[in-house]
C-alpha atoms as a PDB file:
ATOM      1  CA  UNK A   1       6.241  47.758 204.474  1.00  0.00           C
ATOM      2  CA  UNK A   2       7.619  44.481 206.767  1.00  0.00           C
ATOM      3  CA  UNK A   3      10.338  42.500 205.898  1.00  0.00           C
ATOM      4  CA  UNK A   4       9.542  40.326 202.790  1.00  0.00           C
ATOM      5  CA  UNK A   5       9.593  36.531 204.252  1.00  0.00           C
ATOM      6  CA  UNK A   6      11.411  34.110 201.486  1.00  0.00           C
ATOM      7  CA  UNK A   7      11.570  31.083 203.852  1.00  0.00           C
ATOM      8  CA  UNK A   8       8.721  30.111 206.585  1.00  0.00           C
ATOM      9  CA  UNK A   9       8.635  26.748 208.060  1.00  0.00           C
ATOM     10  CA  UNK A  10       5.666  25.890 210.146  1.00  0.00           C
ATOM     11  CA  UNK A  11       5.721  23.371 212.185  1.00  0.00           C
ATOM     12  CA  UNK A  12       7.495  20.505 211.005  1.00  0.00           C
ATOM     13  CA  UNK A  13       7.719  17.463 212.417  1.00  0.00           C
ATOM     14  CA  UNK A  14      10.257  14.835 211.442  1.00  0.00           C
ATOM     15  CA  UNK A  15      11.099  11.330 212.897  1.00  0.00           C
ATOM     16  CA  UNK A  16      13.815   8.466 211.865  1.00  0.00           C
ATOM     17  CA  UNK A  17      12.046   5.159 212.725  1.00  0.00           C
ATOM     18  CA  UNK A  18      10.679   5.638 216.689  1.00  0.00           C
ATOM     19  CA  UNK A  19      13.599   8.985 217.287  1.00  0.00           C
ATOM     20  CA  UNK A  20      11.631  12.241 216.725  1.00  0.00           C
ATOM     21  CA  UNK A  21      14.265  15.055 215.597  1.00  0.00           C
ATOM     22  CA  UNK A  22      11.310  17.457 214.946  1.00  0.00           C
ATOM     23  CA  UNK A  23       8.367  17.807 216.681  1.00  0.00           C
ATOM     24  CA  UNK A  24       6.651  21.202 215.469  1.00  0.00           C
ATOM     25  CA  UNK A  25       9.700  23.639 214.170  1.00  0.00           C
ATOM     26  CA  UNK A  26       8.925  27.071 213.282  1.00  0.00           C
ATOM     27  CA  UNK A  27      10.977  29.305 211.971  1.00  0.00           C
ATOM     28  CA  UNK A  28      10.557  32.577 209.605  1.00  0.00           C
ATOM     29  CA  UNK A  29      13.631  34.317 207.637  1.00  0.00           C
ATOM     30  CA  UNK A  30      13.231  37.338 205.481  1.00  0.00           C
ATOM     31  CA  UNK A  31      14.892  38.721 202.186  1.00  0.00           C
ATOM     32  CA  UNK A  32      18.696  39.467 202.677  1.00  0.00           C
ATOM     33  CA  UNK A  33      19.541  38.797 205.788  1.00  0.00           C
ATOM     34  CA  UNK A  34      22.046  36.468 207.477  1.00  0.00           C
ATOM     35  CA  UNK A  35      20.243  34.606 209.184  1.00  0.00           C
ATOM     36  CA  UNK A  36      21.785  31.745 211.970  1.00  0.00           C
ATOM     37  CA  UNK A  37      20.835  28.129 213.011  1.00  0.00           C
ATOM     38  CA  UNK A  38      22.328  26.735 216.065  1.00  0.00           C
ATOM     39  CA  UNK A  39      21.107  24.338 218.715  1.00  0.00           C
ATOM     40  CA  UNK A  40      22.515  21.361 220.689  1.00  0.00           C
ATOM     41  CA  UNK A  41      24.186  18.400 218.972  1.00  0.00           C
ATOM     42  CA  UNK A  42      21.701  16.299 217.132  1.00  0.00           C
ATOM     43  CA  UNK A  43      19.096  19.114 217.691  1.00  0.00           C
ATOM     44  CA  UNK A  44      18.115  18.599 214.151  1.00  0.00           C
ATOM     45  CA  UNK A  45      20.089  21.450 212.556  1.00  0.00           C
ATOM     46  CA  UNK A  46      21.218  20.204 209.231  1.00  0.00           C
ATOM     47  CA  UNK A  47      18.022  18.007 208.518  1.00  0.00           C
ATOM     48  CA  UNK A  48      16.027  20.662 208.859  1.00  0.00           C
ATOM     49  CA  UNK A  49      18.474  22.539 206.037  1.00  0.00           C
ATOM     50  CA  UNK A  50      18.351  19.306 203.951  1.00  0.00           C
ATOM     51  CA  UNK A  51      14.445  19.895 204.020  1.00  0.00           C
ATOM     52  CA  UNK A  52      14.485  23.152 202.537  1.00  0.00           C
ATOM     53  CA  UNK A  53      16.378  22.469 200.043  1.00  0.00           C
ATOM     54  CA  UNK A  54      14.312  19.415 199.220  1.00  0.00           C
ATOM     55  CA  UNK A  55      17.204  16.693 199.479  1.00  0.00           C
ATOM     56  CA  UNK A  56      14.457  15.452 202.400  1.00  0.00           C
ATOM     57  CA  UNK A  57      10.637  15.223 203.414  1.00  0.00           C
ATOM     58  CA  UNK A  58       9.559  16.371 206.824  1.00  0.00           C
ATOM     59  CA  UNK A  59       6.601  13.690 208.271  1.00  0.00           C
ATOM     60  CA  UNK A  60       4.282  16.981 208.550  1.00  0.00           C
ATOM     61  CA  UNK A  61       4.494  20.563 208.574  1.00  0.00           C
ATOM     62  CA  UNK A  62       4.689  23.050 205.663  1.00  0.00           C
ATOM     63  CA  UNK A  63       7.827  24.895 204.019  1.00  0.00           C
ATOM     64  CA  UNK A  64       7.689  27.341 202.087  1.00  0.00           C
ATOM     65  CA  UNK A  65      10.396  28.460 200.229  1.00  0.00           C
ATOM     66  CA  UNK A  66      10.072  31.917 198.221  1.00  0.00           C
ATOM     67  CA  UNK A  67       6.296  31.569 197.141  1.00  0.00           C
ATOM     68  CA  UNK A  68       6.180  28.000 196.973  1.00  0.00           C
ATOM     69  CA  UNK A  69       5.146  25.390 198.985  1.00  0.00           C
ATOM     70  CA  UNK A  70       7.450  22.300 199.062  1.00  0.00           C
ATOM     71  CA  UNK A  71       5.068  19.962 200.074  1.00  0.00           C
ATOM     72  CA  UNK A  72       2.713  20.791 197.221  1.00  0.00           C
ATOM     73  CA  UNK A  73       5.433  21.727 194.670  1.00  0.00           C
ATOM     74  CA  UNK A  74       4.915  19.701 191.153  1.00  0.00           C
ATOM     75  CA  UNK A  75       8.261  18.148 189.503  1.00  0.00           C
ATOM     76  CA  UNK A  76       8.868  21.135 187.039  1.00  0.00           C
ATOM     77  CA  UNK A  77       8.803  24.128 189.916  1.00  0.00           C
ATOM     78  CA  UNK A  78      10.756  21.900 191.799  1.00  0.00           C
ATOM     79  CA  UNK A  79      13.639  21.931 189.401  1.00  0.00           C
ATOM     80  CA  UNK A  80      13.212  26.187 188.769  1.00  0.00           C
ATOM     81  CA  UNK A  81      13.350  26.050 192.347  1.00  0.00           C
ATOM     82  CA  UNK A  82      16.626  24.334 192.345  1.00  0.00           C
ATOM     83  CA  UNK A  83      18.467  26.755 190.660  1.00  0.00           C
ATOM     84  CA  UNK A  84      17.237  29.702 192.978  1.00  0.00           C
ATOM     85  CA  UNK A  85      19.479  28.603 195.898  1.00  0.00           C
ATOM     86  CA  UNK A  86      23.605  27.182 195.895  1.00  0.00           C
ATOM     87  CA  UNK A  87      24.575  25.122 198.915  1.00  0.00           C
ATOM     88  CA  UNK A  88      27.537  24.877 200.609  1.00  0.00           C
ATOM     89  CA  UNK A  89      27.784  21.467 202.187  1.00  0.00           C
ATOM     90  CA  UNK A  90      29.984  21.541 205.711  1.00  0.00           C
ATOM     91  CA  UNK A  91      32.786  19.540 204.000  1.00  0.00           C
ATOM     92  CA  UNK A  92      32.871  21.401 200.577  1.00  0.00           C
ATOM     93  CA  UNK A  93      31.056  18.158 198.579  1.00  0.00           C
ATOM     94  CA  UNK A  94      34.034  19.194 195.512  1.00  0.00           C
ATOM     95  CA  UNK A  95      33.871  16.348 193.112  1.00  0.00           C
ATOM     96  CA  UNK A  96      37.711  14.871 193.520  1.00  0.00           C
ATOM     97  CA  UNK A  97      38.294  14.254 190.518  1.00  0.00           C
ATOM     98  CA  UNK A  98      37.175  17.444 188.504  1.00  0.00           C
ATOM     99  CA  UNK A  99      39.068  20.927 188.512  1.00  0.00           C
ATOM    100  CA  UNK A 100      37.564  23.453 189.920  1.00  0.00           C
ATOM    101  CA  UNK A 101      36.662  25.154 187.590  1.00  0.00           C
ATOM    102  CA  UNK A 102      34.658  22.407 185.841  1.00  0.00           C
ATOM    103  CA  UNK A 103      33.140  21.667 189.209  1.00  0.00           C
ATOM    104  CA  UNK A 104      32.019  25.198 189.200  1.00  0.00           C
ATOM    105  CA  UNK A 105      30.323  24.629 185.687  1.00  0.00           C
ATOM    106  CA  UNK A 106      28.460  21.707 186.689  1.00  0.00           C
ATOM    107  CA  UNK A 107      25.093  23.600 186.995  1.00  0.00           C
ATOM    108  CA  UNK A 108      25.882  25.834 184.439  1.00  0.00           C
ATOM    109  CA  UNK A 109      25.852  22.907 182.051  1.00  0.00           C
ATOM    110  CA  UNK A 110      23.080  21.291 183.887  1.00  0.00           C
ATOM    111  CA  UNK A 111      20.484  23.898 183.326  1.00  0.00           C
ATOM    112  CA  UNK A 112      21.402  26.544 180.778  1.00  0.00           C
ATOM    113  CA  UNK A 113      22.702  26.245 177.391  1.00  0.00           C
ATOM    114  CA  UNK A 114      25.158  29.199 177.218  1.00  0.00           C
ATOM    115  CA  UNK A 115      28.135  28.417 175.282  1.00  0.00           C
ATOM    116  CA  UNK A 116      31.190  27.425 176.203  1.00  0.00           C
ATOM    117  CA  UNK A 117      32.530  30.750 176.181  1.00  0.00           C
ATOM    118  CA  UNK A 118      29.913  32.463 178.523  1.00  0.00           C
ATOM    119  CA  UNK A 119      30.736  29.284 180.766  1.00  0.00           C
ATOM    120  CA  UNK A 120      34.669  30.346 181.190  1.00  0.00           C
ATOM    121  CA  UNK A 121      33.776  33.745 181.407  1.00  0.00           C
ATOM    122  CA  UNK A 122      30.912  32.627 184.375  1.00  0.00           C
ATOM    123  CA  UNK A 123      33.648  29.986 186.422  1.00  0.00           C
ATOM    124  CA  UNK A 124      35.854  32.892 185.746  1.00  0.00           C
ATOM    125  CA  UNK A 125      34.271  35.366 187.568  1.00  0.00           C
ATOM    126  CA  UNK A 126      33.018  33.196 190.111  1.00  0.00           C
ATOM    127  CA  UNK A 127      36.321  32.481 191.382  1.00  0.00           C
ATOM    128  CA  UNK A 128      37.161  35.960 191.484  1.00  0.00           C
ATOM    129  CA  UNK A 129      34.537  36.784 193.231  1.00  0.00           C
ATOM    130  CA  UNK A 130      35.284  33.769 196.475  1.00  0.00           C
ATOM    131  CA  UNK A 131      39.075  35.545 196.569  1.00  0.00           C
ATOM    132  CA  UNK A 132      40.723  33.295 194.511  1.00  0.00           C
ATOM    133  CA  UNK A 133      43.371  33.766 191.807  1.00  0.00           C
ATOM    134  CA  UNK A 134      41.911  32.615 188.584  1.00  0.00           C
ATOM    135  CA  UNK A 135      44.871  29.905 188.112  1.00  0.00           C
ATOM    136  CA  UNK A 136      43.264  28.109 190.935  1.00  0.00           C
ATOM    137  CA  UNK A 137      40.600  27.251 188.506  1.00  0.00           C
ATOM    138  CA  UNK A 138      42.575  24.517 187.077  1.00  0.00           C
ATOM    139  CA  UNK A 139      43.607  22.694 190.208  1.00  0.00           C
ATOM    140  CA  UNK A 140      41.632  19.707 192.176  1.00  0.00           C
ATOM    141  CA  UNK A 141      40.220  19.769 194.876  1.00  0.00           C
ATOM    142  CA  UNK A 142      42.977  17.505 196.737  1.00  0.00           C
ATOM    143  CA  UNK A 143      45.859  20.430 195.871  1.00  0.00           C
ATOM    144  CA  UNK A 144      43.623  22.519 197.649  1.00  0.00           C
ATOM    145  CA  UNK A 145      44.075  24.064 201.264  1.00  0.00           C
ATOM    146  CA  UNK A 146      40.348  23.522 203.704  1.00  0.00           C
ATOM    147  CA  UNK A 147      40.251  27.147 203.612  1.00  0.00           C
ATOM    148  CA  UNK A 148      40.234  27.123 199.234  1.00  0.00           C
ATOM    149  CA  UNK A 149      38.285  24.358 199.172  1.00  0.00           C
ATOM    150  CA  UNK A 150      35.547  26.663 201.316  1.00  0.00           C
ATOM    151  CA  UNK A 151      35.826  29.194 199.130  1.00  0.00           C
ATOM    152  CA  UNK A 152      35.995  26.487 195.548  1.00  0.00           C
ATOM    153  CA  UNK A 153      32.533  25.262 196.877  1.00  0.00           C
ATOM    154  CA  UNK A 154      31.569  28.899 197.461  1.00  0.00           C
ATOM    155  CA  UNK A 155      31.776  30.079 194.415  1.00  0.00           C
ATOM    156  CA  UNK A 156      30.154  26.497 192.849  1.00  0.00           C
ATOM    157  CA  UNK A 157      27.386  27.286 195.199  1.00  0.00           C
ATOM    158  CA  UNK A 158      26.571  30.881 193.519  1.00  0.00           C
ATOM    159  CA  UNK A 159      27.179  29.720 190.163  1.00  0.00           C
ATOM    160  CA  UNK A 160      23.626  30.010 189.360  1.00  0.00           C
ATOM    161  CA  UNK A 161      23.957  33.622 190.688  1.00  0.00           C
ATOM    162  CA  UNK A 162      21.008  32.417 193.417  1.00  0.00           C
ATOM    163  CA  UNK A 163      18.724  34.418 195.695  1.00  0.00           C
ATOM    164  CA  UNK A 164      19.374  32.192 198.206  1.00  0.00           C
ATOM    165  CA  UNK A 165      22.335  30.612 199.748  1.00  0.00           C
ATOM    166  CA  UNK A 166      22.612  28.212 202.216  1.00  0.00           C
ATOM    167  CA  UNK A 167      26.053  27.453 204.003  1.00  0.00           C
ATOM    168  CA  UNK A 168      26.178  24.197 206.296  1.00  0.00           C
ATOM    169  CA  UNK A 169      29.150  25.580 208.869  1.00  0.00           C
ATOM    170  CA  UNK A 170      30.822  27.406 206.689  1.00  0.00           C
ATOM    171  CA  UNK A 171      33.840  27.916 209.012  1.00  0.00           C
ATOM    172  CA  UNK A 172      33.957  24.711 210.549  1.00  0.00           C
ATOM    173  CA  UNK A 173      37.731  23.828 210.005  1.00  0.00           C
ATOM    174  CA  UNK A 174      39.166  26.408 209.448  1.00  0.00           C
ATOM    175  CA  UNK A 175      41.882  28.879 211.781  1.00  0.00           C
ATOM    176  CA  UNK A 176      40.174  32.161 213.215  1.00  0.00           C
ATOM    177  CA  UNK A 177      42.024  33.988 210.701  1.00  0.00           C
ATOM    178  CA  UNK A 178      40.525  31.900 208.199  1.00  0.00           C
ATOM    179  CA  UNK A 179      37.185  32.109 209.469  1.00  0.00           C
ATOM    180  CA  UNK A 180      36.541  35.769 209.821  1.00  0.00           C
ATOM    181  CA  UNK A 181      37.860  36.233 206.161  1.00  0.00           C
ATOM    182  CA  UNK A 182      34.988  34.148 205.353  1.00  0.00           C
ATOM    183  CA  UNK A 183      32.489  35.362 207.615  1.00  0.00           C
ATOM    184  CA  UNK A 184      33.583  38.706 206.279  1.00  0.00           C
ATOM    185  CA  UNK A 185      33.299  37.422 202.767  1.00  0.00           C
ATOM    186  CA  UNK A 186      29.603  35.811 203.558  1.00  0.00           C
ATOM    187  CA  UNK A 187      28.762  39.503 204.305  1.00  0.00           C
ATOM    188  CA  UNK A 188      29.841  41.455 201.171  1.00  0.00           C
ATOM    189  CA  UNK A 189      29.099  39.292 198.795  1.00  0.00           C
ATOM    190  CA  UNK A 190      25.093  39.276 200.854  1.00  0.00           C
ATOM    191  CA  UNK A 191      25.627  43.387 200.442  1.00  0.00           C
ATOM    192  CA  UNK A 192      27.200  42.874 196.910  1.00  0.00           C
ATOM    193  CA  UNK A 193      25.266  40.743 195.329  1.00  0.00           C
ATOM    194  CA  UNK A 194      21.205  41.181 197.938  1.00  0.00           C
ATOM    195  CA  UNK A 195      21.002  37.654 198.544  1.00  0.00           C
ATOM    196  CA  UNK A 196      19.661  36.056 201.933  1.00  0.00           C
ATOM    197  CA  UNK A 197      22.041  33.903 203.517  1.00  0.00           C
ATOM    198  CA  UNK A 198      20.539  31.018 205.352  1.00  0.00           C
ATOM    199  CA  UNK A 199      23.865  29.062 207.675  1.00  0.00           C
ATOM    200  CA  UNK A 200      23.706  27.043 210.205  1.00  0.00           C
ATOM    201  CA  UNK A 201      26.483  27.516 213.098  1.00  0.00           C
ATOM    202  CA  UNK A 202      27.647  26.904 216.196  1.00  0.00           C
ATOM    203  CA  UNK A 203      30.837  29.281 215.730  1.00  0.00           C
ATOM    204  CA  UNK A 204      30.353  32.331 218.575  1.00  0.00           C
ATOM    205  CA  UNK A 205      32.542  34.794 216.375  1.00  0.00           C
ATOM    206  CA  UNK A 206      29.845  34.237 213.269  1.00  0.00           C
ATOM    207  CA  UNK A 207      27.156  34.649 215.666  1.00  0.00           C
ATOM    208  CA  UNK A 208      28.176  37.840 217.436  1.00  0.00           C
ATOM    209  CA  UNK A 209      29.856  39.728 213.778  1.00  0.00           C
ATOM    210  CA  UNK A 210      27.954  38.852 211.036  1.00  0.00           C
ATOM    211  CA  UNK A 211      24.777  36.952 211.876  1.00  0.00           C
ATOM    212  CA  UNK A 212      21.181  39.319 211.942  1.00  0.00           C
ATOM    213  CA  UNK A 213      18.295  36.785 213.624  1.00  0.00           C
ATOM    214  CA  UNK A 214      18.644  33.658 214.264  1.00  0.00           C
ATOM    215  CA  UNK A 215      17.190  30.096 215.361  1.00  0.00           C
ATOM    216  CA  UNK A 216      17.906  28.246 218.792  1.00  0.00           C
ATOM    217  CA  UNK A 217      17.050  24.403 218.069  1.00  0.00           C
ATOM    218  CA  UNK A 218      16.553  22.548 220.850  1.00  0.00           C
ATOM    219  CA  UNK A 219      14.404  19.940 222.557  1.00  0.00           C
ATOM    220  CA  UNK A 220      13.484  18.779 218.831  1.00  0.00           C
ATOM    221  CA  UNK A 221      11.776  22.903 218.985  1.00  0.00           C
ATOM    222  CA  UNK A 222      12.820  26.262 218.456  1.00  0.00           C
ATOM    223  CA  UNK A 223      12.982  27.411 221.768  1.00  0.00           C
ATOM    224  CA  UNK A 224      14.480  31.009 220.635  1.00  0.00           C
ATOM    225  CA  UNK A 225      14.432  33.196 217.455  1.00  0.00           C
ATOM    226  CA  UNK A 226      15.342  36.588 216.406  1.00  0.00           C
ATOM    227  CA  UNK A 227      17.853  39.176 216.951  1.00  0.00           C
ATOM    228  CA  UNK A 228      20.718  38.352 219.379  1.00  0.00           C
ATOM    229  CA  UNK A 229      19.497  40.453 221.892  1.00  0.00           C
ATOM    230  CA  UNK A 230      15.749  38.478 221.448  1.00  0.00           C
ATOM    231  CA  UNK A 231      17.544  35.258 221.747  1.00  0.00           C
ATOM    232  CA  UNK A 232      19.621  36.290 224.958  1.00  0.00           C
ATOM    233  CA  UNK A 233      16.247  36.739 226.719  1.00  0.00           C
ATOM    234  CA  UNK A 234      15.846  33.709 226.425  1.00  0.00           C
ATOM    235  CA  UNK A 235      16.264  31.452 229.865  1.00  0.00           C
ATOM    236  CA  UNK A 236      16.115  27.915 228.080  1.00  0.00           C
ATOM    237  CA  UNK A 237      18.631  25.577 229.359  1.00  0.00           C
ATOM    238  CA  UNK A 238      20.489  25.435 226.370  1.00  0.00           C
ATOM    239  CA  UNK A 239      20.479  29.204 225.801  1.00  0.00           C
ATOM    240  CA  UNK A 240      22.185  29.744 229.134  1.00  0.00           C
ATOM    241  CA  UNK A 241      25.081  27.096 228.387  1.00  0.00           C
ATOM    242  CA  UNK A 242      25.765  28.051 225.278  1.00  0.00           C
ATOM    243  CA  UNK A 243      25.274  32.230 225.807  1.00  0.00           C
ATOM    244  CA  UNK A 244      26.155  32.629 229.008  1.00  0.00           C
ATOM    245  CA  UNK A 245      29.367  30.769 230.443  1.00  0.00           C
ATOM    246  CA  UNK A 246      32.322  32.159 231.337  1.00  0.00           C
ATOM    247  CA  UNK A 247      34.010  31.921 228.202  1.00  0.00           C
ATOM    248  CA  UNK A 248      31.507  33.658 226.125  1.00  0.00           C
ATOM    249  CA  UNK A 249      31.200  36.296 228.895  1.00  0.00           C
ATOM    250  CA  UNK A 250      34.619  36.706 229.219  1.00  0.00           C
ATOM    251  CA  UNK A 251      35.529  36.823 225.548  1.00  0.00           C
ATOM    252  CA  UNK A 252      32.518  38.753 224.352  1.00  0.00           C
ATOM    253  CA  UNK A 253      32.030  41.005 227.118  1.00  0.00           C
ATOM    254  CA  UNK A 254      31.711  43.894 225.089  1.00  0.00           C
ATOM    255  CA  UNK A 255      29.632  42.916 222.854  1.00  0.00           C
ATOM    256  CA  UNK A 256      27.044  41.642 225.308  1.00  0.00           C
ATOM    257  CA  UNK A 257      26.742  45.055 227.347  1.00  0.00           C
ATOM    258  CA  UNK A 258      25.959  46.677 223.853  1.00  0.00           C
ATOM    259  CA  UNK A 259      23.275  44.173 223.005  1.00  0.00           C
ATOM    260  CA  UNK A 260      21.880  44.376 226.240  1.00  0.00           C
ATOM    261  CA  UNK A 261      22.508  48.572 225.948  1.00  0.00           C
ATOM    262  CA  UNK A 262      20.308  48.324 222.861  1.00  0.00           C
END
């Protein structure tokens, strides 16, 4: 049985005034995979993710998420669909005037009618799930390190036990150890919760170590899609520059050799 498709974008065109960002972008994301979106600066990676989570509409084309066509969805269906995903924005986007526990609780209060006691239990559970100590719930974002903010924001993204998890540059701003630990956490959560992860990234360690499949955006379109092996077969100049430069060849020589010999 073929892998279930959970997100499909077809012929997406996005313009801002006279500037065209996407000109026929198409990609397919499958259930339970960690899917990377990478590309050159200004390629529209974050814009594409915003379109997938209904924060922005493309000028034309179709996006289907969990069987729902976003261009033809009703208000009620949209409200229900928003409960099926969690989002970690690049800088966390936590509410600075709220404690971490209050940040995580926001969606639970908005979308459910469960008791305060149950909300408190869920909040504690999510805090522990992302590897933070229980006392962090009583702290404010300004009292956390960059790595802790990422984990707290991830706990908030998981509050509604989503089927989809969107991550925008999740390891950006983290030191190498923190970035690798965060990568490991993403894999652990994917395996434990059975979720599909869509992540914008330019982090080569993430791409080589945890991404199952990916789409490379350049020249306003997807110039390569698939496994790392599939992408490496592309001769597009951006793919060549990103993956086949001397630094990448030297640092990832073993991984590149394994991929090429598969």
